[in-house]
Amino acid sequence: MVATGNPCEAEILFLELSTRTQRVAEVGEAALGDLPSFGMDLEPLFAMMGSACPSLLLSPEMLPPMIVEKLYHLYFRCRNDGRWLLEGVRAYPGNPFKRVRSELGAKQKASGPLEDRRLESGEATELVSSLLKPKAVDMEWKTFILAWADAACDALEADPSATVMGLDEFLSLYDGLQATCRLKWERRTRKSYAAGSPHPVS
């Protein structure tokens, strides 16, 4: 979301970012005056957010934390998956690196798609509460950054002539995006992300 001249409204931007595809479009406006019903206004947009169940949850500064939790809870309840992610978060609390390795190993061994299902209300609450903790966001961000760097390298190895958004270019873009989020990260090299925490500055 992007602030407008009206403090009770915000533009809703849809961003599709990958190493090979970058797209942005304005998809509507959000009325922030009635915050208790705010999440319901965004429900029709959830289908645009892709098939992968996300684990990196960012908290917009313009919304109270309670509304952010409600919004993500509604999002996970609208999906037909999420149970697999919840089980991974339970098995590897605070360690998304091990969780992702376990997920990749399970997918490689499976003969078909992994069985998943929609989360119950209490399960969605548990998942959102776990992933919105500052330490969890910090570690999920770090894991995401390393995965992005690896994906960019793999794409260039497969096709050296391909147009690929590398890590530095992505981080330059995120410098602007993170201004809307509660947690801020300092710019660091890929090596420093691999060695330690990205060190949120707020």
N, C-alpha and C. Protein backbone atom coordinates (compact mmCIF):
# COMPACT_ATOMS: atom_id res chain seq x y z
N MET A 1 0.84 -1.19 0.00
CA MET A 1 0.00 0.00 0.00
C MET A 1 0.88 1.25 0.00
N VAL A 2 0.37 2.29 -0.66
CA VAL A 2 1.10 3.55 -0.77
C VAL A 2 0.21 4.67 -0.28
N ALA A 3 0.75 5.53 0.57
CA ALA A 3 -0.03 6.64 1.11
C ALA A 3 -0.40 7.63 0.02
N THR A 4 -1.57 8.24 0.17
CA THR A 4 -2.03 9.29 -0.74
C THR A 4 -2.14 10.58 0.03
N GLY A 5 -2.69 11.62 -0.60
CA GLY A 5 -2.87 12.88 0.10
C GLY A 5 -3.93 12.81 1.18
N ASN A 6 -4.78 11.79 1.10
CA ASN A 6 -5.85 11.59 2.09
C ASN A 6 -5.37 10.59 3.14
N PRO A 7 -5.29 10.98 4.43
CA PRO A 7 -4.78 10.06 5.45
C PRO A 7 -5.68 8.85 5.67
N CYS A 8 -6.90 8.90 5.16
CA CYS A 8 -7.83 7.78 5.33
C CYS A 8 -7.87 6.87 4.12
N GLU A 9 -7.01 7.11 3.14
CA GLU A 9 -6.98 6.28 1.94
C GLU A 9 -5.55 5.89 1.60
N ALA A 10 -5.42 4.78 0.89
CA ALA A 10 -4.12 4.34 0.42
C ALA A 10 -4.31 3.62 -0.91
N GLU A 11 -3.37 3.84 -1.82
CA GLU A 11 -3.39 3.11 -3.08
C GLU A 11 -2.90 1.69 -2.83
N ILE A 12 -3.51 0.73 -3.49
CA ILE A 12 -3.10 -0.66 -3.38
C ILE A 12 -2.33 -1.02 -4.65
N LEU A 13 -1.06 -1.34 -4.49
CA LEU A 13 -0.22 -1.72 -5.62
C LEU A 13 0.04 -3.21 -5.59
N PHE A 14 -0.08 -3.84 -6.73
CA PHE A 14 0.25 -5.26 -6.86
C PHE A 14 1.63 -5.37 -7.48
N LEU A 15 2.57 -5.98 -6.76
CA LEU A 15 3.93 -6.16 -7.25
C LEU A 15 4.22 -7.63 -7.44
N GLU A 16 4.64 -7.99 -8.62
CA GLU A 16 5.08 -9.36 -8.89
C GLU A 16 6.58 -9.30 -9.14
N LEU A 17 7.35 -9.84 -8.22
CA LEU A 17 8.80 -9.76 -8.30
C LEU A 17 9.40 -11.16 -8.28
N SER A 18 10.20 -11.45 -9.28
CA SER A 18 11.01 -12.66 -9.29
C SER A 18 12.29 -12.31 -10.03
N THR A 19 13.22 -13.24 -10.08
CA THR A 19 14.47 -12.95 -10.77
C THR A 19 14.26 -12.73 -12.26
N ARG A 20 13.16 -13.26 -12.82
CA ARG A 20 12.91 -13.16 -14.26
C ARG A 20 11.74 -12.24 -14.61
N THR A 21 10.86 -11.96 -13.65
CA THR A 21 9.65 -11.19 -13.94
C THR A 21 9.47 -10.08 -12.92
N GLN A 22 9.21 -8.87 -13.39
CA GLN A 22 8.91 -7.75 -12.51
C GLN A 22 7.71 -7.01 -13.10
N ARG A 23 6.68 -6.87 -12.31
CA ARG A 23 5.47 -6.20 -12.78
C ARG A 23 4.82 -5.46 -11.62
N VAL A 24 4.31 -4.27 -11.89
CA VAL A 24 3.61 -3.51 -10.87
C VAL A 24 2.37 -2.89 -11.49
N ALA A 25 1.28 -2.89 -10.74
CA ALA A 25 0.03 -2.32 -11.23
C ALA A 25 -0.79 -1.82 -10.06
N GLU A 26 -1.47 -0.69 -10.24
CA GLU A 26 -2.39 -0.20 -9.22
C GLU A 26 -3.70 -0.96 -9.38
N VAL A 27 -4.15 -1.61 -8.32
CA VAL A 27 -5.34 -2.46 -8.42
C VAL A 27 -6.52 -1.91 -7.64
N GLY A 28 -6.34 -0.79 -6.95
CA GLY A 28 -7.46 -0.22 -6.22
C GLY A 28 -7.02 0.74 -5.14
N GLU A 29 -7.97 1.17 -4.35
CA GLU A 29 -7.70 2.05 -3.22
C GLU A 29 -8.34 1.46 -1.97
N ALA A 30 -7.67 1.62 -0.85
CA ALA A 30 -8.19 1.11 0.42
C ALA A 30 -8.65 2.28 1.27
N ALA A 31 -9.85 2.15 1.83
CA ALA A 31 -10.37 3.15 2.77
C ALA A 31 -9.94 2.75 4.17
N LEU A 32 -9.04 3.53 4.77
CA LEU A 32 -8.47 3.18 6.07
C LEU A 32 -9.30 3.71 7.23
N GLY A 33 -10.36 4.45 6.96
CA GLY A 33 -11.12 5.05 8.04
C GLY A 33 -11.83 4.03 8.90
N ASP A 34 -12.30 2.94 8.29
CA ASP A 34 -13.02 1.90 9.03
C ASP A 34 -12.10 0.70 9.18
N LEU A 35 -11.11 0.80 10.06
CA LEU A 35 -10.10 -0.24 10.18
C LEU A 35 -10.65 -1.60 10.58
N PRO A 36 -11.67 -1.72 11.44
CA PRO A 36 -12.16 -3.05 11.78
C PRO A 36 -12.60 -3.88 10.58
N SER A 37 -13.10 -3.24 9.53
CA SER A 37 -13.56 -3.98 8.35
C SER A 37 -12.55 -3.92 7.22
N PHE A 38 -11.36 -3.39 7.50
CA PHE A 38 -10.38 -3.17 6.45
C PHE A 38 -9.99 -4.47 5.74
N GLY A 39 -9.76 -5.52 6.51
CA GLY A 39 -9.33 -6.78 5.91
C GLY A 39 -10.32 -7.33 4.91
N MET A 40 -11.59 -7.17 5.18
CA MET A 40 -12.61 -7.68 4.27
C MET A 40 -12.55 -7.00 2.92
N ASP A 41 -12.13 -5.73 2.90
CA ASP A 41 -12.04 -5.00 1.64
C ASP A 41 -10.98 -5.59 0.72
N LEU A 42 -9.97 -6.25 1.28
CA LEU A 42 -8.87 -6.77 0.48
C LEU A 42 -9.05 -8.23 0.08
N GLU A 43 -10.04 -8.90 0.62
CA GLU A 43 -10.20 -10.33 0.35
C GLU A 43 -10.25 -10.66 -1.14
N PRO A 44 -10.94 -9.88 -2.00
CA PRO A 44 -10.96 -10.23 -3.42
C PRO A 44 -9.59 -10.19 -4.09
N LEU A 45 -8.61 -9.53 -3.47
CA LEU A 45 -7.29 -9.42 -4.07
C LEU A 45 -6.38 -10.58 -3.72
N PHE A 46 -6.76 -11.41 -2.75
CA PHE A 46 -5.87 -12.47 -2.29
C PHE A 46 -5.54 -13.46 -3.40
N ALA A 47 -6.47 -13.68 -4.32
CA ALA A 47 -6.24 -14.64 -5.39
C ALA A 47 -5.11 -14.21 -6.31
N MET A 48 -4.75 -12.93 -6.29
CA MET A 48 -3.68 -12.43 -7.15
C MET A 48 -2.30 -12.71 -6.59
N MET A 49 -2.22 -13.22 -5.38
CA MET A 49 -0.95 -13.28 -4.67
C MET A 49 -0.17 -14.56 -4.89
N GLY A 50 -0.53 -15.32 -5.91
CA GLY A 50 0.29 -16.46 -6.29
C GLY A 50 -0.08 -17.74 -5.58
N SER A 51 0.53 -18.83 -6.06
CA SER A 51 0.20 -20.16 -5.54
C SER A 51 1.05 -20.57 -4.36
N ALA A 52 2.23 -19.97 -4.21
CA ALA A 52 3.12 -20.35 -3.11
C ALA A 52 2.62 -19.77 -1.80
N CYS A 53 2.61 -20.59 -0.76
CA CYS A 53 2.18 -20.12 0.56
C CYS A 53 3.33 -19.33 1.19
N PRO A 54 3.16 -18.05 1.47
CA PRO A 54 4.27 -17.21 1.90
C PRO A 54 4.65 -17.43 3.36
N SER A 55 5.92 -17.21 3.65
CA SER A 55 6.38 -17.28 5.04
C SER A 55 6.99 -15.96 5.50
N LEU A 56 7.32 -15.07 4.57
CA LEU A 56 7.85 -13.75 4.92
C LEU A 56 6.68 -12.77 4.97
N LEU A 57 6.24 -12.42 6.18
CA LEU A 57 5.11 -11.52 6.36
C LEU A 57 5.62 -10.15 6.80
N LEU A 58 5.35 -9.13 6.00
CA LEU A 58 5.77 -7.78 6.33
C LEU A 58 4.61 -7.01 6.95
N SER A 59 4.93 -6.12 7.86
CA SER A 59 3.91 -5.38 8.60
C SER A 59 3.91 -3.92 8.18
N PRO A 60 2.89 -3.45 7.43
CA PRO A 60 2.85 -2.05 7.00
C PRO A 60 2.71 -1.10 8.19
N GLU A 61 3.48 -0.03 8.17
CA GLU A 61 3.42 0.93 9.27
C GLU A 61 2.09 1.65 9.34
N MET A 62 1.39 1.81 8.21
CA MET A 62 0.16 2.60 8.22
C MET A 62 -1.01 1.85 8.85
N LEU A 63 -0.82 0.56 9.18
CA LEU A 63 -1.88 -0.22 9.80
C LEU A 63 -1.48 -0.62 11.21
N PRO A 64 -2.40 -0.57 12.18
CA PRO A 64 -2.10 -1.06 13.53
C PRO A 64 -1.74 -2.54 13.49
N PRO A 65 -0.84 -3.00 14.38
CA PRO A 65 -0.47 -4.42 14.38
C PRO A 65 -1.66 -5.36 14.45
N MET A 66 -2.70 -4.99 15.20
CA MET A 66 -3.87 -5.86 15.32
C MET A 66 -4.55 -6.06 13.97
N ILE A 67 -4.59 -5.00 13.15
CA ILE A 67 -5.21 -5.10 11.84
C ILE A 67 -4.34 -5.92 10.90
N VAL A 68 -3.02 -5.77 11.03
CA VAL A 68 -2.11 -6.57 10.21
C VAL A 68 -2.31 -8.06 10.49
N GLU A 69 -2.42 -8.41 11.78
CA GLU A 69 -2.65 -9.80 12.15
C GLU A 69 -3.98 -10.30 11.59
N LYS A 70 -5.01 -9.47 11.68
CA LYS A 70 -6.32 -9.85 11.17
C LYS A 70 -6.27 -10.07 9.66
N LEU A 71 -5.55 -9.21 8.96
CA LEU A 71 -5.45 -9.29 7.51
C LEU A 71 -4.75 -10.58 7.07
N TYR A 72 -3.62 -10.90 7.71
CA TYR A 72 -2.90 -12.13 7.36
C TYR A 72 -3.71 -13.36 7.76
N HIS A 73 -4.41 -13.27 8.88
CA HIS A 73 -5.26 -14.40 9.29
C HIS A 73 -6.32 -14.67 8.23
N LEU A 74 -6.96 -13.63 7.75
CA LEU A 74 -7.97 -13.79 6.71
C LEU A 74 -7.35 -14.35 5.43
N TYR A 75 -6.15 -13.87 5.11
CA TYR A 75 -5.45 -14.35 3.91
C TYR A 75 -5.20 -15.85 3.99
N PHE A 76 -4.63 -16.31 5.10
CA PHE A 76 -4.34 -17.74 5.22
C PHE A 76 -5.61 -18.58 5.26
N ARG A 77 -6.67 -18.04 5.82
CA ARG A 77 -7.94 -18.77 5.87
C ARG A 77 -8.58 -18.88 4.49
N CYS A 78 -8.23 -17.98 3.58
CA CYS A 78 -8.79 -18.01 2.23
C CYS A 78 -8.04 -18.97 1.31
N ARG A 79 -6.87 -19.40 1.72
CA ARG A 79 -6.06 -20.28 0.87
C ARG A 79 -6.48 -21.73 1.06
N ASN A 80 -6.18 -22.54 0.07
CA ASN A 80 -6.47 -23.98 0.17
C ASN A 80 -5.25 -24.77 0.63
N ASP A 81 -4.21 -24.06 1.04
CA ASP A 81 -3.03 -24.72 1.59
C ASP A 81 -2.61 -23.98 2.85
N GLY A 82 -1.46 -24.29 3.37
CA GLY A 82 -0.97 -23.63 4.58
C GLY A 82 -0.61 -24.60 5.69
N ARG A 83 -1.24 -25.77 5.69
CA ARG A 83 -0.96 -26.76 6.72
C ARG A 83 0.50 -27.22 6.66
N TRP A 84 1.02 -27.39 5.46
CA TRP A 84 2.41 -27.84 5.31
C TRP A 84 3.38 -26.80 5.88
N LEU A 85 3.11 -25.53 5.60
CA LEU A 85 3.96 -24.47 6.15
C LEU A 85 3.86 -24.43 7.66
N LEU A 86 2.67 -24.55 8.21
CA LEU A 86 2.49 -24.53 9.66
C LEU A 86 3.27 -25.66 10.31
N GLU A 87 3.21 -26.84 9.74
CA GLU A 87 3.95 -27.97 10.31
C GLU A 87 5.45 -27.71 10.27
N GLY A 88 5.93 -27.07 9.20
CA GLY A 88 7.35 -26.75 9.11
C GLY A 88 7.76 -25.72 10.14
N VAL A 89 6.93 -24.70 10.36
CA VAL A 89 7.22 -23.68 11.36
C VAL A 89 7.24 -24.30 12.76
N ARG A 90 6.34 -25.24 13.01
CA ARG A 90 6.33 -25.93 14.29
C ARG A 90 7.59 -26.78 14.47
N ALA A 91 8.00 -27.47 13.42
CA ALA A 91 9.14 -28.38 13.51
C ALA A 91 10.46 -27.64 13.63
N TYR A 92 10.56 -26.47 12.99
CA TYR A 92 11.82 -25.71 12.99
C TYR A 92 11.56 -24.27 13.43
N PRO A 93 11.14 -24.06 14.67
CA PRO A 93 10.84 -22.69 15.14
C PRO A 93 12.08 -21.81 15.09
N GLY A 94 11.96 -20.67 14.43
CA GLY A 94 13.07 -19.74 14.35
C GLY A 94 14.19 -20.15 13.43
N ASN A 95 14.00 -21.23 12.66
CA ASN A 95 15.07 -21.70 11.77
C ASN A 95 14.50 -22.01 10.39
N PRO A 96 14.18 -20.98 9.60
CA PRO A 96 13.62 -21.22 8.27
C PRO A 96 14.58 -21.91 7.32
N PHE A 97 15.91 -21.80 7.57
CA PHE A 97 16.87 -22.49 6.71
C PHE A 97 16.63 -23.99 6.73
N LYS A 98 16.55 -24.56 7.93
CA LYS A 98 16.31 -26.00 8.04
C LYS A 98 14.93 -26.36 7.51
N ARG A 99 13.95 -25.49 7.74
CA ARG A 99 12.60 -25.77 7.26
C ARG A 99 12.57 -25.85 5.74
N VAL A 100 13.21 -24.89 5.09
CA VAL A 100 13.21 -24.87 3.63
C VAL A 100 13.95 -26.08 3.08
N ARG A 101 15.08 -26.44 3.69
CA ARG A 101 15.81 -27.63 3.23
C ARG A 101 14.96 -28.87 3.38
N SER A 102 14.23 -28.96 4.49
CA SER A 102 13.35 -30.10 4.71
C SER A 102 12.24 -30.15 3.66
N GLU A 103 11.66 -28.98 3.35
CA GLU A 103 10.59 -28.92 2.36
C GLU A 103 11.09 -29.33 0.98
N LEU A 104 12.27 -28.84 0.61
CA LEU A 104 12.83 -29.19 -0.69
C LEU A 104 13.12 -30.68 -0.78
N GLY A 105 13.65 -31.24 0.32
CA GLY A 105 13.91 -32.68 0.34
C GLY A 105 12.65 -33.50 0.20
N ALA A 106 11.59 -33.06 0.89
CA ALA A 106 10.32 -33.78 0.81
C ALA A 106 9.73 -33.71 -0.59
N LYS A 107 9.84 -32.55 -1.25
CA LYS A 107 9.31 -32.40 -2.60
C LYS A 107 10.09 -33.26 -3.60
N GLN A 108 11.41 -33.36 -3.39
CA GLN A 108 12.21 -34.17 -4.30
C GLN A 108 11.90 -35.66 -4.16
N LYS A 109 11.57 -36.09 -2.95
CA LYS A 109 11.28 -37.50 -2.72
C LYS A 109 9.85 -37.87 -3.11
N ALA A 110 8.96 -36.89 -3.10
CA ALA A 110 7.54 -37.17 -3.36
C ALA A 110 7.31 -37.53 -4.82
N SER A 111 6.38 -38.44 -5.05
CA SER A 111 6.04 -38.84 -6.42
C SER A 111 5.04 -37.88 -7.06
N GLY A 112 4.46 -36.99 -6.28
CA GLY A 112 3.49 -36.01 -6.78
C GLY A 112 3.43 -34.83 -5.84
N PRO A 113 2.44 -33.97 -6.00
CA PRO A 113 2.30 -32.81 -5.10
C PRO A 113 2.12 -33.26 -3.65
N LEU A 114 2.74 -32.51 -2.74
CA LEU A 114 2.61 -32.82 -1.32
C LEU A 114 1.19 -32.53 -0.85
N GLU A 115 0.68 -33.39 0.00
CA GLU A 115 -0.68 -33.21 0.50
C GLU A 115 -0.74 -31.98 1.40
N ASP A 116 -1.72 -31.15 1.17
CA ASP A 116 -1.88 -29.93 1.96
C ASP A 116 -3.37 -29.66 2.12
N ARG A 117 -3.70 -28.69 2.95
CA ARG A 117 -5.10 -28.34 3.14
C ARG A 117 -5.22 -26.93 3.70
N ARG A 118 -6.46 -26.44 3.71
CA ARG A 118 -6.74 -25.11 4.26
C ARG A 118 -6.60 -25.14 5.79
N LEU A 119 -6.10 -24.04 6.34
CA LEU A 119 -5.93 -23.94 7.79
C LEU A 119 -7.26 -23.66 8.49
N GLU A 120 -7.42 -24.27 9.66
CA GLU A 120 -8.53 -23.90 10.53
C GLU A 120 -8.22 -22.53 11.14
N SER A 121 -9.23 -21.90 11.73
CA SER A 121 -9.05 -20.55 12.27
C SER A 121 -7.93 -20.49 13.31
N GLY A 122 -7.93 -21.44 14.25
CA GLY A 122 -6.89 -21.45 15.28
C GLY A 122 -5.51 -21.70 14.70
N GLU A 123 -5.43 -22.54 13.67
CA GLU A 123 -4.14 -22.81 13.02
C GLU A 123 -3.62 -21.56 12.31
N ALA A 124 -4.52 -20.84 11.65
CA ALA A 124 -4.10 -19.60 10.98
C ALA A 124 -3.60 -18.58 11.99
N THR A 125 -4.27 -18.49 13.13
CA THR A 125 -3.83 -17.58 14.18
C THR A 125 -2.44 -17.96 14.66
N GLU A 126 -2.20 -19.25 14.87
CA GLU A 126 -0.88 -19.72 15.32
C GLU A 126 0.20 -19.38 14.30
N LEU A 127 -0.08 -19.61 13.02
CA LEU A 127 0.91 -19.36 11.98
C LEU A 127 1.23 -17.88 11.87
N VAL A 128 0.21 -17.04 11.85
CA VAL A 128 0.42 -15.60 11.74
C VAL A 128 1.19 -15.07 12.95
N SER A 129 0.81 -15.50 14.14
CA SER A 129 1.50 -15.05 15.35
C SER A 129 2.97 -15.43 15.33
N SER A 130 3.27 -16.62 14.84
CA SER A 130 4.66 -17.09 14.78
C SER A 130 5.47 -16.31 13.76
N LEU A 131 4.91 -16.09 12.57
CA LEU A 131 5.66 -15.48 11.49
C LEU A 131 5.79 -13.96 11.61
N LEU A 132 4.93 -13.32 12.42
CA LEU A 132 5.02 -11.87 12.58
C LEU A 132 5.91 -11.45 13.75
N LYS A 133 6.46 -12.39 14.50
CA LYS A 133 7.41 -12.03 15.54
C LYS A 133 8.64 -11.39 14.90
N PRO A 134 9.18 -10.31 15.48
CA PRO A 134 10.31 -9.62 14.85
C PRO A 134 11.47 -10.55 14.51
N LYS A 135 11.82 -11.47 15.39
CA LYS A 135 12.92 -12.39 15.10
C LYS A 135 12.58 -13.29 13.93
N ALA A 136 11.33 -13.73 13.85
CA ALA A 136 10.92 -14.59 12.75
C ALA A 136 10.98 -13.84 11.42
N VAL A 137 10.50 -12.59 11.40
CA VAL A 137 10.56 -11.79 10.18
C VAL A 137 12.01 -11.59 9.76
N ASP A 138 12.87 -11.33 10.74
CA ASP A 138 14.30 -11.15 10.48
C ASP A 138 14.88 -12.39 9.79
N MET A 139 14.62 -13.57 10.33
CA MET A 139 15.18 -14.80 9.79
C MET A 139 14.55 -15.18 8.46
N GLU A 140 13.25 -14.95 8.31
CA GLU A 140 12.59 -15.25 7.04
C GLU A 140 13.13 -14.35 5.94
N TRP A 141 13.39 -13.08 6.29
CA TRP A 141 13.97 -12.15 5.31
C TRP A 141 15.35 -12.62 4.88
N LYS A 142 16.15 -13.02 5.83
CA LYS A 142 17.50 -13.49 5.53
C LYS A 142 17.45 -14.71 4.62
N THR A 143 16.56 -15.64 4.90
CA THR A 143 16.41 -16.83 4.07
C THR A 143 15.95 -16.46 2.67
N PHE A 144 15.02 -15.53 2.59
CA PHE A 144 14.51 -15.09 1.29
C PHE A 144 15.62 -14.47 0.44
N ILE A 145 16.45 -13.64 1.05
CA ILE A 145 17.53 -12.97 0.33
C ILE A 145 18.52 -13.99 -0.24
N LEU A 146 18.90 -14.97 0.56
CA LEU A 146 19.83 -15.99 0.08
C LEU A 146 19.20 -16.82 -1.04
N ALA A 147 17.91 -17.12 -0.91
CA ALA A 147 17.22 -17.88 -1.95
C ALA A 147 17.17 -17.07 -3.25
N TRP A 148 16.94 -15.75 -3.13
CA TRP A 148 16.90 -14.90 -4.31
C TRP A 148 18.25 -14.91 -5.02
N ALA A 149 19.33 -14.75 -4.25
CA ALA A 149 20.67 -14.74 -4.83
C ALA A 149 20.97 -16.05 -5.54
N ASP A 150 20.61 -17.18 -4.92
CA ASP A 150 20.85 -18.48 -5.55
C ASP A 150 20.02 -18.64 -6.82
N ALA A 151 18.76 -18.18 -6.79
CA ALA A 151 17.90 -18.29 -7.97
C ALA A 151 18.44 -17.45 -9.12
N ALA A 152 18.96 -16.27 -8.82
CA ALA A 152 19.53 -15.42 -9.86
C ALA A 152 20.76 -16.08 -10.48
N CYS A 153 21.61 -16.66 -9.66
CA CYS A 153 22.80 -17.35 -10.17
C CYS A 153 22.41 -18.55 -11.03
N ASP A 154 21.43 -19.32 -10.58
CA ASP A 154 20.98 -20.48 -11.34
C ASP A 154 20.41 -20.07 -12.69
N ALA A 155 19.64 -18.97 -12.71
CA ALA A 155 19.04 -18.50 -13.96
C ALA A 155 20.11 -18.08 -14.96
N LEU A 156 21.15 -17.42 -14.49
CA LEU A 156 22.22 -16.98 -15.38
C LEU A 156 23.07 -18.15 -15.86
N GLU A 157 23.25 -19.14 -15.01
CA GLU A 157 23.99 -20.33 -15.43
C GLU A 157 23.23 -21.08 -16.51
N ALA A 158 21.91 -21.11 -16.38
CA ALA A 158 21.08 -21.80 -17.38
C ALA A 158 21.05 -21.04 -18.70
N ASP A 159 21.05 -19.70 -18.64
CA ASP A 159 20.99 -18.87 -19.84
C ASP A 159 21.73 -17.57 -19.58
N PRO A 160 23.04 -17.51 -19.90
CA PRO A 160 23.83 -16.32 -19.62
C PRO A 160 23.30 -15.05 -20.29
N SER A 161 22.49 -15.19 -21.33
CA SER A 161 21.96 -14.01 -22.03
C SER A 161 20.64 -13.52 -21.44
N ALA A 162 20.12 -14.22 -20.44
CA ALA A 162 18.82 -13.88 -19.88
C ALA A 162 18.89 -12.58 -19.08
N THR A 163 17.78 -11.86 -19.06
CA THR A 163 17.66 -10.67 -18.22
C THR A 163 17.20 -11.10 -16.83
N VAL A 164 18.07 -10.94 -15.87
CA VAL A 164 17.82 -11.44 -14.52
C VAL A 164 17.99 -10.30 -13.51
N MET A 165 17.06 -10.19 -12.57
CA MET A 165 17.21 -9.22 -11.48
C MET A 165 18.08 -9.84 -10.40
N GLY A 166 19.31 -9.37 -10.30
CA GLY A 166 20.23 -9.89 -9.30
C GLY A 166 19.91 -9.35 -7.91
N LEU A 167 20.67 -9.83 -6.94
CA LEU A 167 20.40 -9.45 -5.55
C LEU A 167 20.57 -7.96 -5.31
N ASP A 168 21.65 -7.37 -5.84
CA ASP A 168 21.88 -5.94 -5.61
C ASP A 168 20.76 -5.09 -6.18
N GLU A 169 20.28 -5.47 -7.37
CA GLU A 169 19.18 -4.72 -7.98
C GLU A 169 17.90 -4.86 -7.16
N PHE A 170 17.66 -6.07 -6.66
CA PHE A 170 16.47 -6.27 -5.84
C PHE A 170 16.55 -5.47 -4.55
N LEU A 171 17.71 -5.47 -3.90
CA LEU A 171 17.85 -4.73 -2.65
C LEU A 171 17.70 -3.23 -2.87
N SER A 172 18.16 -2.74 -4.03
CA SER A 172 17.96 -1.32 -4.34
C SER A 172 16.48 -0.99 -4.44
N LEU A 173 15.72 -1.89 -5.07
CA LEU A 173 14.28 -1.70 -5.14
C LEU A 173 13.65 -1.76 -3.76
N TYR A 174 14.11 -2.69 -2.94
CA TYR A 174 13.51 -2.85 -1.61
C TYR A 174 13.84 -1.69 -0.69
N ASP A 175 14.91 -0.95 -0.98
CA ASP A 175 15.21 0.23 -0.17
C ASP A 175 14.01 1.16 -0.10
N GLY A 176 13.28 1.27 -1.22
CA GLY A 176 12.09 2.10 -1.23
C GLY A 176 10.89 1.42 -0.60
N LEU A 177 10.74 0.13 -0.85
CA LEU A 177 9.59 -0.60 -0.34
C LEU A 177 9.61 -0.71 1.18
N GLN A 178 10.80 -0.87 1.75
CA GLN A 178 10.85 -1.10 3.19
C GLN A 178 10.47 0.13 3.99
N ALA A 179 10.42 1.27 3.36
CA ALA A 179 10.01 2.49 4.07
C ALA A 179 8.58 2.38 4.58
N THR A 180 7.79 1.47 4.00
CA THR A 180 6.40 1.29 4.44
C THR A 180 6.27 0.23 5.51
N CYS A 181 7.36 -0.44 5.88
CA CYS A 181 7.30 -1.57 6.82
C CYS A 181 7.85 -1.18 8.19
N ARG A 182 7.41 -1.91 9.21
CA ARG A 182 7.86 -1.61 10.58
C ARG A 182 9.34 -1.95 10.76
N LEU A 183 9.77 -3.08 10.26
CA LEU A 183 11.17 -3.46 10.40
C LEU A 183 11.97 -2.95 9.22
N LYS A 184 13.12 -2.36 9.50
CA LYS A 184 14.01 -1.83 8.46
C LYS A 184 15.30 -2.63 8.47
N TRP A 185 15.89 -2.83 7.28
CA TRP A 185 17.14 -3.56 7.20
C TRP A 185 18.22 -2.71 6.57
N GLU A 186 19.43 -2.84 7.10
CA GLU A 186 20.57 -2.18 6.49
C GLU A 186 20.98 -2.93 5.24
N ARG A 187 21.51 -2.19 4.24
CA ARG A 187 22.04 -2.85 3.06
C ARG A 187 23.32 -3.57 3.44
N ARG A 188 23.41 -4.85 3.04
CA ARG A 188 24.58 -5.65 3.35
C ARG A 188 24.91 -6.51 2.15
N THR A 189 26.08 -7.08 2.13
CA THR A 189 26.48 -7.94 1.02
C THR A 189 25.87 -9.32 1.18
N ARG A 190 25.91 -10.10 0.09
CA ARG A 190 25.39 -11.46 0.17
C ARG A 190 26.16 -12.27 1.21
N LYS A 191 27.48 -12.05 1.29
CA LYS A 191 28.29 -12.79 2.25
C LYS A 191 27.84 -12.50 3.67
N SER A 192 27.52 -11.25 3.96
CA SER A 192 27.10 -10.91 5.32
C SER A 192 25.74 -11.50 5.64
N TYR A 193 24.87 -11.65 4.63
CA TYR A 193 23.58 -12.30 4.87
C TYR A 193 23.80 -13.76 5.21
N ALA A 194 24.77 -14.38 4.57
CA ALA A 194 25.04 -15.79 4.83
C ALA A 194 25.70 -15.98 6.19
N ALA A 195 26.45 -14.98 6.65
CA ALA A 195 27.21 -15.12 7.89
C ALA A 195 26.40 -14.80 9.13
N GLY A 196 25.43 -13.91 9.00
CA GLY A 196 24.69 -13.51 10.19
C GLY A 196 23.40 -12.83 9.84
N SER A 197 22.77 -12.29 10.86
CA SER A 197 21.47 -11.65 10.69
C SER A 197 21.60 -10.38 9.86
N PRO A 198 20.55 -10.04 9.09
CA PRO A 198 20.55 -8.77 8.36
C PRO A 198 20.48 -7.55 9.27
N HIS A 199 20.36 -7.76 10.57
CA HIS A 199 20.40 -6.68 11.55
C HIS A 199 19.35 -5.62 11.28
N PRO A 200 18.08 -5.87 11.61
CA PRO A 200 17.07 -4.83 11.45
C PRO A 200 17.45 -3.62 12.29
N VAL A 201 17.26 -2.43 11.73
CA VAL A 201 17.67 -1.21 12.42
C VAL A 201 16.53 -0.59 13.19
N SER A 202 15.32 -1.13 13.10
CA SER A 202 14.22 -0.65 13.93
C SER A 202 13.19 -1.75 14.06
